[in-house]
Amino acid sequence: MKVTKDMTIAQIIQIDQNIIPILMDAGMHCIGCPSAQGESLVEAAFVHGIDVDGLVEEINQFLAAE
């Protein structure tokens, strides 16, 4: 399965919980917050000033390597 920037944080974590460290390393430190769970990856990236396309690419490379 591939991650898209329109998926929620909760959906992404359901794919593989090992994605959490990638998100945290990118600067998303409130992964467990209830509001963060319902945010799309693009919304969370915007709030944290993160390049969403680069993050999606990094996550999908991680998933492809598993």
C-alpha atoms as a PDB file:
ATOM      1  CA  MET A   1       0.000   0.000   0.000  1.00  0.00           C
ATOM      2  CA  LYS A   2       1.176   3.518  -0.767  1.00  0.00           C
ATOM      3  CA  VAL A   3       0.713   6.573   1.418  1.00  0.00           C
ATOM      4  CA  THR A   4      -0.781   9.737  -0.064  1.00  0.00           C
ATOM      5  CA  LYS A   5      -0.744  13.245   1.352  1.00  0.00           C
ATOM      6  CA  ASP A   6      -4.553  13.196   1.652  1.00  0.00           C
ATOM      7  CA  MET A   7      -4.541  10.252   4.086  1.00  0.00           C
ATOM      8  CA  THR A   8      -5.032  10.975   7.779  1.00  0.00           C
ATOM      9  CA  ILE A   9      -2.256  10.403  10.275  1.00  0.00           C
ATOM     10  CA  ALA A  10      -4.384   7.620  11.804  1.00  0.00           C
ATOM     11  CA  GLN A  11      -4.718   5.860   8.432  1.00  0.00           C
ATOM     12  CA  ILE A  12      -0.982   6.084   7.823  1.00  0.00           C
ATOM     13  CA  ILE A  13      -0.114   4.668  11.245  1.00  0.00           C
ATOM     14  CA  GLN A  14      -2.570   1.795  10.682  1.00  0.00           C
ATOM     15  CA  ILE A  15      -0.560   0.769   7.628  1.00  0.00           C
ATOM     16  CA  ASP A  16       2.624   0.384   9.679  1.00  0.00           C
ATOM     17  CA  GLN A  17       3.368   1.741  13.147  1.00  0.00           C
ATOM     18  CA  ASN A  18       7.039   1.907  12.190  1.00  0.00           C
ATOM     19  CA  ILE A  19       6.141   5.053  10.239  1.00  0.00           C
ATOM     20  CA  ILE A  20       5.799   6.926  13.545  1.00  0.00           C
ATOM     21  CA  PRO A  21       9.575   7.529  13.911  1.00  0.00           C
ATOM     22  CA  ILE A  22       9.682   8.925  10.359  1.00  0.00           C
ATOM     23  CA  LEU A  23       6.924  11.392  11.202  1.00  0.00           C
ATOM     24  CA  MET A  24       8.594  12.329  14.482  1.00  0.00           C
ATOM     25  CA  ASP A  25      11.984  12.815  12.815  1.00  0.00           C
ATOM     26  CA  ALA A  26      10.276  15.144  10.337  1.00  0.00           C
ATOM     27  CA  GLY A  27       9.063  17.302  13.237  1.00  0.00           C
ATOM     28  CA  MET A  28       5.597  15.921  13.930  1.00  0.00           C
ATOM     29  CA  HIS A  29       5.955  15.300  17.658  1.00  0.00           C
ATOM     30  CA  CYS A  30       2.260  15.210  18.560  1.00  0.00           C
ATOM     31  CA  ILE A  31       1.385  12.000  16.713  1.00  0.00           C
ATOM     32  CA  GLY A  32      -0.649  10.728  19.678  1.00  0.00           C
ATOM     33  CA  CYS A  33      -2.766  13.882  20.012  1.00  0.00           C
ATOM     34  CA  PRO A  34      -6.433  13.233  19.254  1.00  0.00           C
ATOM     35  CA  SER A  35      -6.607  16.160  16.812  1.00  0.00           C
ATOM     36  CA  ALA A  36      -3.497  14.960  14.968  1.00  0.00           C
ATOM     37  CA  GLN A  37      -5.109  11.591  14.314  1.00  0.00           C
ATOM     38  CA  GLY A  38      -7.830  13.204  12.199  1.00  0.00           C
ATOM     39  CA  GLU A  39      -5.550  15.560  10.284  1.00  0.00           C
ATOM     40  CA  SER A  40      -4.472  14.712   6.782  1.00  0.00           C
ATOM     41  CA  LEU A  41      -0.750  14.432   6.198  1.00  0.00           C
ATOM     42  CA  VAL A  42      -0.843  17.577   4.046  1.00  0.00           C
ATOM     43  CA  GLU A  43      -2.592  19.532   6.834  1.00  0.00           C
ATOM     44  CA  ALA A  44      -0.113  18.362   9.461  1.00  0.00           C
ATOM     45  CA  ALA A  45       2.844  19.100   7.193  1.00  0.00           C
ATOM     46  CA  PHE A  46       1.542  22.620   6.543  1.00  0.00           C
ATOM     47  CA  VAL A  47       1.163  23.334  10.273  1.00  0.00           C
ATOM     48  CA  HIS A  48       4.705  22.085  10.946  1.00  0.00           C
ATOM     49  CA  GLY A  49       6.310  23.685   7.882  1.00  0.00           C
ATOM     50  CA  ILE A  50       7.288  20.334   6.384  1.00  0.00           C
ATOM     51  CA  ASP A  51       7.621  19.475   2.680  1.00  0.00           C
ATOM     52  CA  VAL A  52       4.736  17.006   2.341  1.00  0.00           C
ATOM     53  CA  ASP A  53       5.870  15.602  -1.006  1.00  0.00           C
ATOM     54  CA  GLY A  54       9.306  14.756   0.376  1.00  0.00           C
ATOM     55  CA  LEU A  55       7.744  13.164   3.440  1.00  0.00           C
ATOM     56  CA  VAL A  56       5.352  11.056   1.341  1.00  0.00           C
ATOM     57  CA  GLU A  57       8.297   9.912  -0.767  1.00  0.00           C
ATOM     58  CA  GLU A  58      10.315   8.977   2.320  1.00  0.00           C
ATOM     59  CA  ILE A  59       7.424   6.995   3.834  1.00  0.00           C
ATOM     60  CA  ASN A  60       6.693   5.166   0.574  1.00  0.00           C
ATOM     61  CA  GLN A  61      10.392   4.292   0.155  1.00  0.00           C
ATOM     62  CA  PHE A  62      10.325   2.868   3.689  1.00  0.00           C
ATOM     63  CA  LEU A  63       7.222   0.795   2.911  1.00  0.00           C
ATOM     64  CA  ALA A  64       8.692  -0.465  -0.359  1.00  0.00           C
ATOM     65  CA  ALA A  65      11.831  -1.656   1.438  1.00  0.00           C
ATOM     66  CA  GLU A  66       9.881  -3.814   3.893  1.00  0.00           C
END
